[in-house]
Amino acid sequence: DFGYHLSTKSYLRFFTGRQSSAVLNTEV
């Protein structure tokens, strides 16, 4: 995340993320 203070009350964020998921039990 990168955050920028627009004013004393206002805050702007730009973010990037990587989400991954894996199945643990494939027998079923």
mmCIF file of all heavy atoms, coordinates in Angstrom:
data_MODEL
# 
_entry.id   MODEL 
# 
loop_
_atom_site.group_PDB 
_atom_site.id 
_atom_site.type_symbol 
_atom_site.label_atom_id 
_atom_site.label_alt_id 
_atom_site.label_comp_id 
_atom_site.label_asym_id 
_atom_site.label_entity_id 
_atom_site.label_seq_id 
_atom_site.pdbx_PDB_ins_code 
_atom_site.Cartn_x 
_atom_site.Cartn_y 
_atom_site.Cartn_z 
_atom_site.occupancy 
_atom_site.B_iso_or_equiv 
_atom_site.pdbx_formal_charge 
_atom_site.auth_seq_id 
_atom_site.auth_comp_id 
_atom_site.auth_asym_id 
_atom_site.auth_atom_id 
_atom_site.pdbx_PDB_model_num 
ATOM 1   N N   . ASP A 1 1  ? 0.836   -1.203  0.000  1.00 0.00 ? 1  ASP A N   1 
ATOM 2   C CA  . ASP A 1 1  ? 0.000   0.000   0.000  1.00 0.00 ? 1  ASP A CA  1 
ATOM 3   C C   . ASP A 1 1  ? 0.867   1.248   0.000  1.00 0.00 ? 1  ASP A C   1 
ATOM 4   O O   . ASP A 1 1  ? 1.896   1.301   0.677  1.00 0.00 ? 1  ASP A O   1 
ATOM 5   C CB  . ASP A 1 1  ? -0.888  0.057   1.244  1.00 0.00 ? 1  ASP A CB  1 
ATOM 6   C CG  . ASP A 1 1  ? -2.057  -0.893  1.177  1.00 0.00 ? 1  ASP A CG  1 
ATOM 7   O OD1 . ASP A 1 1  ? -1.877  -1.996  0.652  1.00 0.00 ? 1  ASP A OD1 1 
ATOM 8   O OD2 . ASP A 1 1  ? -3.137  -0.529  1.663  1.00 0.00 ? 1  ASP A OD2 1 
ATOM 9   N N   . PHE A 1 2  ? 0.414   2.263   -0.741 1.00 0.00 ? 2  PHE A N   1 
ATOM 10  C CA  . PHE A 1 2  ? 0.987   3.598   -0.667 1.00 0.00 ? 2  PHE A CA  1 
ATOM 11  C C   . PHE A 1 2  ? -0.126  4.562   -0.286 1.00 0.00 ? 2  PHE A C   1 
ATOM 12  O O   . PHE A 1 2  ? -1.180  4.609   -0.937 1.00 0.00 ? 2  PHE A O   1 
ATOM 13  C CB  . PHE A 1 2  ? 1.610   4.011   -2.006 1.00 0.00 ? 2  PHE A CB  1 
ATOM 14  C CG  . PHE A 1 2  ? 2.813   3.195   -2.386 1.00 0.00 ? 2  PHE A CG  1 
ATOM 15  C CD1 . PHE A 1 2  ? 2.684   2.082   -3.200 1.00 0.00 ? 2  PHE A CD1 1 
ATOM 16  C CD2 . PHE A 1 2  ? 4.068   3.541   -1.907 1.00 0.00 ? 2  PHE A CD2 1 
ATOM 17  C CE1 . PHE A 1 2  ? 3.795   1.324   -3.542 1.00 0.00 ? 2  PHE A CE1 1 
ATOM 18  C CE2 . PHE A 1 2  ? 5.177   2.784   -2.242 1.00 0.00 ? 2  PHE A CE2 1 
ATOM 19  C CZ  . PHE A 1 2  ? 5.041   1.672   -3.062 1.00 0.00 ? 2  PHE A CZ  1 
ATOM 20  N N   . GLY A 1 3  ? 0.098   5.328   0.784  1.00 0.00 ? 3  GLY A N   1 
ATOM 21  C CA  . GLY A 1 3  ? -0.902  6.274   1.254  1.00 0.00 ? 3  GLY A CA  1 
ATOM 22  C C   . GLY A 1 3  ? -0.412  7.699   1.123  1.00 0.00 ? 3  GLY A C   1 
ATOM 23  O O   . GLY A 1 3  ? 0.779   7.993   1.302  1.00 0.00 ? 3  GLY A O   1 
ATOM 24  N N   . TYR A 1 4  ? -1.349  8.606   0.824  1.00 0.00 ? 4  TYR A N   1 
ATOM 25  C CA  . TYR A 1 4  ? -1.011  10.020  0.626  1.00 0.00 ? 4  TYR A CA  1 
ATOM 26  C C   . TYR A 1 4  ? -1.967  10.875  1.442  1.00 0.00 ? 4  TYR A C   1 
ATOM 27  O O   . TYR A 1 4  ? -3.190  10.711  1.356  1.00 0.00 ? 4  TYR A O   1 
ATOM 28  C CB  . TYR A 1 4  ? -1.100  10.390  -0.855 1.00 0.00 ? 4  TYR A CB  1 
ATOM 29  C CG  . TYR A 1 4  ? -0.744  11.827  -1.147 1.00 0.00 ? 4  TYR A CG  1 
ATOM 30  C CD1 . TYR A 1 4  ? 0.582   12.236  -1.197 1.00 0.00 ? 4  TYR A CD1 1 
ATOM 31  C CD2 . TYR A 1 4  ? -1.735  12.776  -1.366 1.00 0.00 ? 4  TYR A CD2 1 
ATOM 32  C CE1 . TYR A 1 4  ? 0.920   13.552  -1.467 1.00 0.00 ? 4  TYR A CE1 1 
ATOM 33  C CE2 . TYR A 1 4  ? -1.418  14.104  -1.631 1.00 0.00 ? 4  TYR A CE2 1 
ATOM 34  C CZ  . TYR A 1 4  ? -0.084  14.485  -1.680 1.00 0.00 ? 4  TYR A CZ  1 
ATOM 35  O OH  . TYR A 1 4  ? 0.235   15.794  -1.940 1.00 0.00 ? 4  TYR A OH  1 
ATOM 36  N N   . HIS A 1 5  ? -1.418  11.805  2.248  1.00 0.00 ? 5  HIS A N   1 
ATOM 37  C CA  . HIS A 1 5  ? -2.228  12.690  3.084  1.00 0.00 ? 5  HIS A CA  1 
ATOM 38  C C   . HIS A 1 5  ? -2.702  13.877  2.236  1.00 0.00 ? 5  HIS A C   1 
ATOM 39  O O   . HIS A 1 5  ? -1.946  14.823  1.990  1.00 0.00 ? 5  HIS A O   1 
ATOM 40  C CB  . HIS A 1 5  ? -1.416  13.188  4.276  1.00 0.00 ? 5  HIS A CB  1 
ATOM 41  C CG  . HIS A 1 5  ? -0.971  12.091  5.196  1.00 0.00 ? 5  HIS A CG  1 
ATOM 42  N ND1 . HIS A 1 5  ? -1.669  11.742  6.330  1.00 0.00 ? 5  HIS A ND1 1 
ATOM 43  C CD2 . HIS A 1 5  ? 0.100   11.258  5.150  1.00 0.00 ? 5  HIS A CD2 1 
ATOM 44  C CE1 . HIS A 1 5  ? -1.049  10.751  6.944  1.00 0.00 ? 5  HIS A CE1 1 
ATOM 45  N NE2 . HIS A 1 5  ? 0.030   10.428  6.237  1.00 0.00 ? 5  HIS A NE2 1 
ATOM 46  N N   . LEU A 1 6  ? -3.959  13.813  1.792  1.00 0.00 ? 6  LEU A N   1 
ATOM 47  C CA  . LEU A 1 6  ? -4.511  14.924  1.021  1.00 0.00 ? 6  LEU A CA  1 
ATOM 48  C C   . LEU A 1 6  ? -4.705  16.152  1.889  1.00 0.00 ? 6  LEU A C   1 
ATOM 49  O O   . LEU A 1 6  ? -4.542  17.286  1.447  1.00 0.00 ? 6  LEU A O   1 
ATOM 50  C CB  . LEU A 1 6  ? -5.848  14.514  0.392  1.00 0.00 ? 6  LEU A CB  1 
ATOM 51  C CG  . LEU A 1 6  ? -5.796  13.399  -0.650 1.00 0.00 ? 6  LEU A CG  1 
ATOM 52  C CD1 . LEU A 1 6  ? -7.204  13.008  -1.073 1.00 0.00 ? 6  LEU A CD1 1 
ATOM 53  C CD2 . LEU A 1 6  ? -4.984  13.831  -1.861 1.00 0.00 ? 6  LEU A CD2 1 
ATOM 54  N N   . SER A 1 7  ? -5.115  15.937  3.128  1.00 0.00 ? 7  SER A N   1 
ATOM 55  C CA  . SER A 1 7  ? -5.291  17.008  4.106  1.00 0.00 ? 7  SER A CA  1 
ATOM 56  C C   . SER A 1 7  ? -5.198  16.383  5.482  1.00 0.00 ? 7  SER A C   1 
ATOM 57  O O   . SER A 1 7  ? -4.898  15.196  5.627  1.00 0.00 ? 7  SER A O   1 
ATOM 58  C CB  . SER A 1 7  ? -6.648  17.709  3.902  1.00 0.00 ? 7  SER A CB  1 
ATOM 59  O OG  . SER A 1 7  ? -7.722  16.842  4.245  1.00 0.00 ? 7  SER A OG  1 
ATOM 60  N N   . THR A 1 8  ? -5.476  17.174  6.507  1.00 0.00 ? 8  THR A N   1 
ATOM 61  C CA  . THR A 1 8  ? -5.424  16.645  7.863  1.00 0.00 ? 8  THR A CA  1 
ATOM 62  C C   . THR A 1 8  ? -6.530  15.638  8.139  1.00 0.00 ? 8  THR A C   1 
ATOM 63  O O   . THR A 1 8  ? -6.440  14.869  9.094  1.00 0.00 ? 8  THR A O   1 
ATOM 64  C CB  . THR A 1 8  ? -5.529  17.792  8.881  1.00 0.00 ? 8  THR A CB  1 
ATOM 65  O OG1 . THR A 1 8  ? -6.747  18.530  8.648  1.00 0.00 ? 8  THR A OG1 1 
ATOM 66  C CG2 . THR A 1 8  ? -4.327  18.722  8.761  1.00 0.00 ? 8  THR A CG2 1 
ATOM 67  N N   . LYS A 1 9  ? -7.573  15.616  7.317  1.00 0.00 ? 9  LYS A N   1 
ATOM 68  C CA  . LYS A 1 9  ? -8.697  14.702  7.525  1.00 0.00 ? 9  LYS A CA  1 
ATOM 69  C C   . LYS A 1 9  ? -8.864  13.693  6.393  1.00 0.00 ? 9  LYS A C   1 
ATOM 70  O O   . LYS A 1 9  ? -9.610  12.727  6.534  1.00 0.00 ? 9  LYS A O   1 
ATOM 71  C CB  . LYS A 1 9  ? -10.001 15.492  7.692  1.00 0.00 ? 9  LYS A CB  1 
ATOM 72  C CG  . LYS A 1 9  ? -10.007 16.450  8.868  1.00 0.00 ? 9  LYS A CG  1 
ATOM 73  C CD  . LYS A 1 9  ? -11.322 17.191  8.952  1.00 0.00 ? 9  LYS A CD  1 
ATOM 74  C CE  . LYS A 1 9  ? -11.346 18.160  10.133 1.00 0.00 ? 9  LYS A CE  1 
ATOM 75  N NZ  . LYS A 1 9  ? -10.352 19.222  10.004 1.00 0.00 ? 9  LYS A NZ  1 
ATOM 76  N N   . SER A 1 10 ? -8.217  13.907  5.275  1.00 0.00 ? 10 SER A N   1 
ATOM 77  C CA  . SER A 1 10 ? -8.431  13.078  4.085  1.00 0.00 ? 10 SER A CA  1 
ATOM 78  C C   . SER A 1 10 ? -7.166  12.303  3.752  1.00 0.00 ? 10 SER A C   1 
ATOM 79  O O   . SER A 1 10 ? -6.058  12.861  3.750  1.00 0.00 ? 10 SER A O   1 
ATOM 80  C CB  . SER A 1 10 ? -8.838  13.959  2.899  1.00 0.00 ? 10 SER A CB  1 
ATOM 81  O OG  . SER A 1 10 ? -9.119  13.184  1.764  1.00 0.00 ? 10 SER A OG  1 
ATOM 82  N N   . TYR A 1 11 ? -7.345  11.003  3.445  1.00 0.00 ? 11 TYR A N   1 
ATOM 83  C CA  . TYR A 1 11 ? -6.211  10.107  3.196  1.00 0.00 ? 11 TYR A CA  1 
ATOM 84  C C   . TYR A 1 11 ? -6.529  9.230   1.993  1.00 0.00 ? 11 TYR A C   1 
ATOM 85  O O   . TYR A 1 11 ? -7.562  8.562   1.945  1.00 0.00 ? 11 TYR A O   1 
ATOM 86  C CB  . TYR A 1 11 ? -5.970  9.240   4.434  1.00 0.00 ? 11 TYR A CB  1 
ATOM 87  C CG  . TYR A 1 11 ? -4.712  8.421   4.418  1.00 0.00 ? 11 TYR A CG  1 
ATOM 88  C CD1 . TYR A 1 11 ? -3.460  9.015   4.535  1.00 0.00 ? 11 TYR A CD1 1 
ATOM 89  C CD2 . TYR A 1 11 ? -4.762  7.028   4.302  1.00 0.00 ? 11 TYR A CD2 1 
ATOM 90  C CE1 . TYR A 1 11 ? -2.300  8.251   4.548  1.00 0.00 ? 11 TYR A CE1 1 
ATOM 91  C CE2 . TYR A 1 11 ? -3.606  6.259   4.314  1.00 0.00 ? 11 TYR A CE2 1 
ATOM 92  C CZ  . TYR A 1 11 ? -2.381  6.882   4.428  1.00 0.00 ? 11 TYR A CZ  1 
ATOM 93  O OH  . TYR A 1 11 ? -1.238  6.129   4.434  1.00 0.00 ? 11 TYR A OH  1 
ATOM 94  N N   . LEU A 1 12 ? -5.623  9.241   1.015  1.00 0.00 ? 12 LEU A N   1 
ATOM 95  C CA  . LEU A 1 12 ? -5.811  8.496   -0.226 1.00 0.00 ? 12 LEU A CA  1 
ATOM 96  C C   . LEU A 1 12 ? -4.819  7.343   -0.276 1.00 0.00 ? 12 LEU A C   1 
ATOM 97  O O   . LEU A 1 12 ? -3.640  7.512   0.045  1.00 0.00 ? 12 LEU A O   1 
ATOM 98  C CB  . LEU A 1 12 ? -5.614  9.418   -1.424 1.00 0.00 ? 12 LEU A CB  1 
ATOM 99  C CG  . LEU A 1 12 ? -5.856  8.829   -2.816 1.00 0.00 ? 12 LEU A CG  1 
ATOM 100 C CD1 . LEU A 1 12 ? -7.322  8.436   -2.992 1.00 0.00 ? 12 LEU A CD1 1 
ATOM 101 C CD2 . LEU A 1 12 ? -5.437  9.824   -3.896 1.00 0.00 ? 12 LEU A CD2 1 
ATOM 102 N N   . ARG A 1 13 ? -5.329  6.151   -0.676 1.00 0.00 ? 13 ARG A N   1 
ATOM 103 C CA  . ARG A 1 13 ? -4.484  4.959   -0.754 1.00 0.00 ? 13 ARG A CA  1 
ATOM 104 C C   . ARG A 1 13 ? -4.474  4.402   -2.174 1.00 0.00 ? 13 ARG A C   1 
ATOM 105 O O   . ARG A 1 13 ? -5.499  4.387   -2.853 1.00 0.00 ? 13 ARG A O   1 
ATOM 106 C CB  . ARG A 1 13 ? -5.012  3.856   0.165  1.00 0.00 ? 13 ARG A CB  1 
ATOM 107 C CG  . ARG A 1 13 ? -4.989  4.137   1.629  1.00 0.00 ? 13 ARG A CG  1 
ATOM 108 C CD  . ARG A 1 13 ? -5.737  3.051   2.385  1.00 0.00 ? 13 ARG A CD  1 
ATOM 109 N NE  . ARG A 1 13 ? -5.328  1.702   1.979  1.00 0.00 ? 13 ARG A NE  1 
ATOM 110 C CZ  . ARG A 1 13 ? -6.187  0.746   1.605  1.00 0.00 ? 13 ARG A CZ  1 
ATOM 111 N NH1 . ARG A 1 13 ? -7.483  0.972   1.563  1.00 0.00 ? 13 ARG A NH1 1 
ATOM 112 N NH2 . ARG A 1 13 ? -5.736  -0.453  1.273  1.00 0.00 ? 13 ARG A NH2 1 
ATOM 113 N N   . PHE A 1 14 ? -3.313  3.928   -2.576 1.00 0.00 ? 14 PHE A N   1 
ATOM 114 C CA  . PHE A 1 14 ? -3.174  3.128   -3.790 1.00 0.00 ? 14 PHE A CA  1 
ATOM 115 C C   . PHE A 1 14 ? -2.502  1.821   -3.373 1.00 0.00 ? 14 PHE A C   1 
ATOM 116 O O   . PHE A 1 14 ? -1.507  1.842   -2.649 1.00 0.00 ? 14 PHE A O   1 
ATOM 117 C CB  . PHE A 1 14 ? -2.332  3.849   -4.839 1.00 0.00 ? 14 PHE A CB  1 
ATOM 118 C CG  . PHE A 1 14 ? -2.926  5.132   -5.326 1.00 0.00 ? 14 PHE A CG  1 
ATOM 119 C CD1 . PHE A 1 14 ? -2.556  6.343   -4.745 1.00 0.00 ? 14 PHE A CD1 1 
ATOM 120 C CD2 . PHE A 1 14 ? -3.857  5.140   -6.347 1.00 0.00 ? 14 PHE A CD2 1 
ATOM 121 C CE1 . PHE A 1 14 ? -3.111  7.536   -5.188 1.00 0.00 ? 14 PHE A CE1 1 
ATOM 122 C CE2 . PHE A 1 14 ? -4.419  6.319   -6.794 1.00 0.00 ? 14 PHE A CE2 1 
ATOM 123 C CZ  . PHE A 1 14 ? -4.041  7.526   -6.217 1.00 0.00 ? 14 PHE A CZ  1 
ATOM 124 N N   . PHE A 1 15 ? -3.050  0.722   -3.829 1.00 0.00 ? 15 PHE A N   1 
ATOM 125 C CA  . PHE A 1 15 ? -2.501  -0.549  -3.363 1.00 0.00 ? 15 PHE A CA  1 
ATOM 126 C C   . PHE A 1 15 ? -2.508  -1.590  -4.472 1.00 0.00 ? 15 PHE A C   1 
ATOM 127 O O   . PHE A 1 15 ? -3.248  -1.491  -5.458 1.00 0.00 ? 15 PHE A O   1 
ATOM 128 C CB  . PHE A 1 15 ? -3.288  -1.069  -2.151 1.00 0.00 ? 15 PHE A CB  1 
ATOM 129 C CG  . PHE A 1 15 ? -4.748  -1.323  -2.404 1.00 0.00 ? 15 PHE A CG  1 
ATOM 130 C CD1 . PHE A 1 15 ? -5.197  -2.564  -2.839 1.00 0.00 ? 15 PHE A CD1 1 
ATOM 131 C CD2 . PHE A 1 15 ? -5.682  -0.321  -2.194 1.00 0.00 ? 15 PHE A CD2 1 
ATOM 132 C CE1 . PHE A 1 15 ? -6.537  -2.803  -3.060 1.00 0.00 ? 15 PHE A CE1 1 
ATOM 133 C CE2 . PHE A 1 15 ? -7.032  -0.542  -2.414 1.00 0.00 ? 15 PHE A CE2 1 
ATOM 134 C CZ  . PHE A 1 15 ? -7.466  -1.790  -2.844 1.00 0.00 ? 15 PHE A CZ  1 
ATOM 135 N N   . THR A 1 16 ? -1.653  -2.559  -4.287 1.00 0.00 ? 16 THR A N   1 
ATOM 136 C CA  . THR A 1 16 ? -1.624  -3.726  -5.157 1.00 0.00 ? 16 THR A CA  1 
ATOM 137 C C   . THR A 1 16 ? -1.477  -4.955  -4.277 1.00 0.00 ? 16 THR A C   1 
ATOM 138 O O   . THR A 1 16 ? -0.925  -4.884  -3.178 1.00 0.00 ? 16 THR A O   1 
ATOM 139 C CB  . THR A 1 16 ? -0.459  -3.637  -6.161 1.00 0.00 ? 16 THR A CB  1 
ATOM 140 O OG1 . THR A 1 16 ? -0.482  -4.785  -7.021 1.00 0.00 ? 16 THR A OG1 1 
ATOM 141 C CG2 . THR A 1 16 ? 0.878   -3.599  -5.450 1.00 0.00 ? 16 THR A CG2 1 
ATOM 142 N N   . GLY A 1 17 ? -2.008  -6.059  -4.747 1.00 0.00 ? 17 GLY A N   1 
ATOM 143 C CA  . GLY A 1 17 ? -1.960  -7.270  -3.949 1.00 0.00 ? 17 GLY A CA  1 
ATOM 144 C C   . GLY A 1 17 ? -1.981  -8.514  -4.819 1.00 0.00 ? 17 GLY A C   1 
ATOM 145 O O   . GLY A 1 17 ? -2.381  -8.480  -5.995 1.00 0.00 ? 17 GLY A O   1 
ATOM 146 N N   . ARG A 1 18 ? -1.531  -9.585  -4.233 1.00 0.00 ? 18 ARG A N   1 
ATOM 147 C CA  . ARG A 1 18 ? -1.539  -10.879 -4.914 1.00 0.00 ? 18 ARG A CA  1 
ATOM 148 C C   . ARG A 1 18 ? -2.162  -11.888 -3.962 1.00 0.00 ? 18 ARG A C   1 
ATOM 149 O O   . ARG A 1 18 ? -1.610  -12.177 -2.898 1.00 0.00 ? 18 ARG A O   1 
ATOM 150 C CB  . ARG A 1 18 ? -0.123  -11.300 -5.294 1.00 0.00 ? 18 ARG A CB  1 
ATOM 151 C CG  . ARG A 1 18 ? -0.032  -12.645 -6.021 1.00 0.00 ? 18 ARG A CG  1 
ATOM 152 C CD  . ARG A 1 18 ? 1.431   -13.009 -6.240 1.00 0.00 ? 18 ARG A CD  1 
ATOM 153 N NE  . ARG A 1 18 ? 1.596   -14.295 -6.913 1.00 0.00 ? 18 ARG A NE  1 
ATOM 154 C CZ  . ARG A 1 18 ? 1.718   -14.444 -8.225 1.00 0.00 ? 18 ARG A CZ  1 
ATOM 155 N NH1 . ARG A 1 18 ? 1.699   -13.382 -9.010 1.00 0.00 ? 18 ARG A NH1 1 
ATOM 156 N NH2 . ARG A 1 18 ? 1.871   -15.640 -8.756 1.00 0.00 ? 18 ARG A NH2 1 
ATOM 157 N N   . GLN A 1 19 ? -3.317  -12.398 -4.359 1.00 0.00 ? 19 GLN A N   1 
ATOM 158 C CA  . GLN A 1 19 ? -4.020  -13.391 -3.543 1.00 0.00 ? 19 GLN A CA  1 
ATOM 159 C C   . GLN A 1 19 ? -3.953  -14.743 -4.242 1.00 0.00 ? 19 GLN A C   1 
ATOM 160 O O   . GLN A 1 19 ? -4.209  -14.855 -5.442 1.00 0.00 ? 19 GLN A O   1 
ATOM 161 C CB  . GLN A 1 19 ? -5.480  -12.989 -3.341 1.00 0.00 ? 19 GLN A CB  1 
ATOM 162 C CG  . GLN A 1 19 ? -6.263  -13.965 -2.486 1.00 0.00 ? 19 GLN A CG  1 
ATOM 163 C CD  . GLN A 1 19 ? -7.699  -13.512 -2.257 1.00 0.00 ? 19 GLN A CD  1 
ATOM 164 O OE1 . GLN A 1 19 ? -8.062  -12.391 -2.591 1.00 0.00 ? 19 GLN A OE1 1 
ATOM 165 N NE2 . GLN A 1 19 ? -8.516  -14.393 -1.701 1.00 0.00 ? 19 GLN A NE2 1 
ATOM 166 N N   . SER A 1 20 ? -3.607  -15.752 -3.465 1.00 0.00 ? 20 SER A N   1 
ATOM 167 C CA  . SER A 1 20 ? -3.550  -17.111 -4.017 1.00 0.00 ? 20 SER A CA  1 
ATOM 168 C C   . SER A 1 20 ? -4.255  -18.056 -3.060 1.00 0.00 ? 20 SER A C   1 
ATOM 169 O O   . SER A 1 20 ? -4.290  -17.834 -1.846 1.00 0.00 ? 20 SER A O   1 
ATOM 170 C CB  . SER A 1 20 ? -2.102  -17.559 -4.231 1.00 0.00 ? 20 SER A CB  1 
ATOM 171 O OG  . SER A 1 20 ? -1.391  -17.592 -3.012 1.00 0.00 ? 20 SER A OG  1 
ATOM 172 N N   . SER A 1 21 ? -4.807  -19.109 -3.624 1.00 0.00 ? 21 SER A N   1 
ATOM 173 C CA  . SER A 1 21 ? -5.526  -20.090 -2.816 1.00 0.00 ? 21 SER A CA  1 
ATOM 174 C C   . SER A 1 21 ? -5.212  -21.480 -3.344 1.00 0.00 ? 21 SER A C   1 
ATOM 175 O O   . SER A 1 21 ? -5.088  -21.691 -4.560 1.00 0.00 ? 21 SER A O   1 
ATOM 176 C CB  . SER A 1 21 ? -7.035  -19.829 -2.868 1.00 0.00 ? 21 SER A CB  1 
ATOM 177 O OG  . SER A 1 21 ? -7.733  -20.691 -2.007 1.00 0.00 ? 21 SER A OG  1 
ATOM 178 N N   . ALA A 1 22 ? -5.090  -22.413 -2.405 1.00 0.00 ? 22 ALA A N   1 
ATOM 179 C CA  . ALA A 1 22 ? -4.773  -23.799 -2.778 1.00 0.00 ? 22 ALA A CA  1 
ATOM 180 C C   . ALA A 1 22 ? -5.701  -24.744 -2.027 1.00 0.00 ? 22 ALA A C   1 
ATOM 181 O O   . ALA A 1 22 ? -5.922  -24.592 -0.822 1.00 0.00 ? 22 ALA A O   1 
ATOM 182 C CB  . ALA A 1 22 ? -3.318  -24.112 -2.463 1.00 0.00 ? 22 ALA A CB  1 
ATOM 183 N N   . VAL A 1 23 ? -6.225  -25.728 -2.756 1.00 0.00 ? 23 VAL A N   1 
ATOM 184 C CA  . VAL A 1 23 ? -7.066  -26.766 -2.151 1.00 0.00 ? 23 VAL A CA  1 
ATOM 185 C C   . VAL A 1 23 ? -6.159  -27.755 -1.427 1.00 0.00 ? 23 VAL A C   1 
ATOM 186 O O   . VAL A 1 23 ? -5.162  -28.229 -1.982 1.00 0.00 ? 23 VAL A O   1 
ATOM 187 C CB  . VAL A 1 23 ? -7.912  -27.470 -3.214 1.00 0.00 ? 23 VAL A CB  1 
ATOM 188 C CG1 . VAL A 1 23 ? -8.744  -28.590 -2.588 1.00 0.00 ? 23 VAL A CG1 1 
ATOM 189 C CG2 . VAL A 1 23 ? -8.808  -26.465 -3.922 1.00 0.00 ? 23 VAL A CG2 1 
ATOM 190 N N   . LEU A 1 24 ? -6.500  -28.086 -0.182 1.00 0.00 ? 24 LEU A N   1 
ATOM 191 C CA  . LEU A 1 24 ? -5.649  -28.939 0.627  1.00 0.00 ? 24 LEU A CA  1 
ATOM 192 C C   . LEU A 1 24 ? -5.998  -30.415 0.488  1.00 0.00 ? 24 LEU A C   1 
ATOM 193 O O   . LEU A 1 24 ? -5.112  -31.274 0.478  1.00 0.00 ? 24 LEU A O   1 
ATOM 194 C CB  . LEU A 1 24 ? -5.735  -28.519 2.099  1.00 0.00 ? 24 LEU A CB  1 
ATOM 195 C CG  . LEU A 1 24 ? -5.259  -27.089 2.406  1.00 0.00 ? 24 LEU A CG  1 
ATOM 196 C CD1 . LEU A 1 24 ? -5.435  -26.793 3.883  1.00 0.00 ? 24 LEU A CD1 1 
ATOM 197 C CD2 . LEU A 1 24 ? -3.802  -26.905 2.003  1.00 0.00 ? 24 LEU A CD2 1 
ATOM 198 N N   . ASN A 1 25 ? -7.261  -30.713 0.365  1.00 0.00 ? 25 ASN A N   1 
ATOM 199 C CA  . ASN A 1 25 ? -7.693  -32.106 0.282  1.00 0.00 ? 25 ASN A CA  1 
ATOM 200 C C   . ASN A 1 25 ? -8.440  -32.311 -1.031 1.00 0.00 ? 25 ASN A C   1 
ATOM 201 O O   . ASN A 1 25 ? -9.572  -31.844 -1.202 1.00 0.00 ? 25 ASN A O   1 
ATOM 202 C CB  . ASN A 1 25 ? -8.592  -32.442 1.473  1.00 0.00 ? 25 ASN A CB  1 
ATOM 203 C CG  . ASN A 1 25 ? -9.024  -33.904 1.471  1.00 0.00 ? 25 ASN A CG  1 
ATOM 204 O OD1 . ASN A 1 25 ? -8.528  -34.713 0.681  1.00 0.00 ? 25 ASN A OD1 1 
ATOM 205 N ND2 . ASN A 1 25 ? -9.950  -34.247 2.355  1.00 0.00 ? 25 ASN A ND2 1 
ATOM 206 N N   . THR A 1 26 ? -7.800  -32.976 -1.962 1.00 0.00 ? 26 THR A N   1 
ATOM 207 C CA  . THR A 1 26 ? -8.412  -33.180 -3.284 1.00 0.00 ? 26 THR A CA  1 
ATOM 208 C C   . THR A 1 26 ? -9.071  -34.550 -3.435 1.00 0.00 ? 26 THR A C   1 
ATOM 209 O O   . THR A 1 26 ? -9.676  -34.835 -4.478 1.00 0.00 ? 26 THR A O   1 
ATOM 210 C CB  . THR A 1 26 ? -7.337  -33.020 -4.379 1.00 0.00 ? 26 THR A CB  1 
ATOM 211 O OG1 . THR A 1 26 ? -6.316  -33.999 -4.175 1.00 0.00 ? 26 THR A OG1 1 
ATOM 212 C CG2 . THR A 1 26 ? -6.740  -31.626 -4.343 1.00 0.00 ? 26 THR A CG2 1 
ATOM 213 N N   . GLU A 1 27 ? -8.967  -35.422 -2.421 1.00 0.00 ? 27 GLU A N   1 
ATOM 214 C CA  . GLU A 1 27 ? -9.520  -36.768 -2.527 1.00 0.00 ? 27 GLU A CA  1 
ATOM 215 C C   . GLU A 1 27 ? -11.014 -36.748 -2.813 1.00 0.00 ? 27 GLU A C   1 
ATOM 216 O O   . GLU A 1 27 ? -11.526 -37.553 -3.595 1.00 0.00 ? 27 GLU A O   1 
ATOM 217 C CB  . GLU A 1 27 ? -9.237  -37.548 -1.245 1.00 0.00 ? 27 GLU A CB  1 
ATOM 218 C CG  . GLU A 1 27 ? -7.769  -37.858 -1.000 1.00 0.00 ? 27 GLU A CG  1 
ATOM 219 C CD  . GLU A 1 27 ? -7.196  -38.805 -2.047 1.00 0.00 ? 27 GLU A CD  1 
ATOM 220 O OE1 . GLU A 1 27 ? -7.965  -39.632 -2.579 1.00 0.00 ? 27 GLU A OE1 1 
ATOM 221 O OE2 . GLU A 1 27 ? -5.990  -38.711 -2.331 1.00 0.00 ? 27 GLU A OE2 1 
ATOM 222 N N   . VAL A 1 28 ? -11.738 -35.816 -2.192 1.00 0.00 ? 28 VAL A N   1 
ATOM 223 C CA  . VAL A 1 28 ? -13.202 -35.796 -2.335 1.00 0.00 ? 28 VAL A CA  1 
ATOM 224 C C   . VAL A 1 28 ? -13.626 -35.266 -3.702 1.00 0.00 ? 28 VAL A C   1 
ATOM 225 O O   . VAL A 1 28 ? -14.818 -35.314 -4.042 1.00 0.00 ? 28 VAL A O   1 
ATOM 226 C CB  . VAL A 1 28 ? -13.836 -34.945 -1.225 1.00 0.00 ? 28 VAL A CB  1 
ATOM 227 C CG1 . VAL A 1 28 ? -13.588 -35.571 0.143  1.00 0.00 ? 28 VAL A CG1 1 
ATOM 228 C CG2 . VAL A 1 28 ? -13.295 -33.521 -1.265 1.00 0.00 ? 28 VAL A CG2 1 
# 
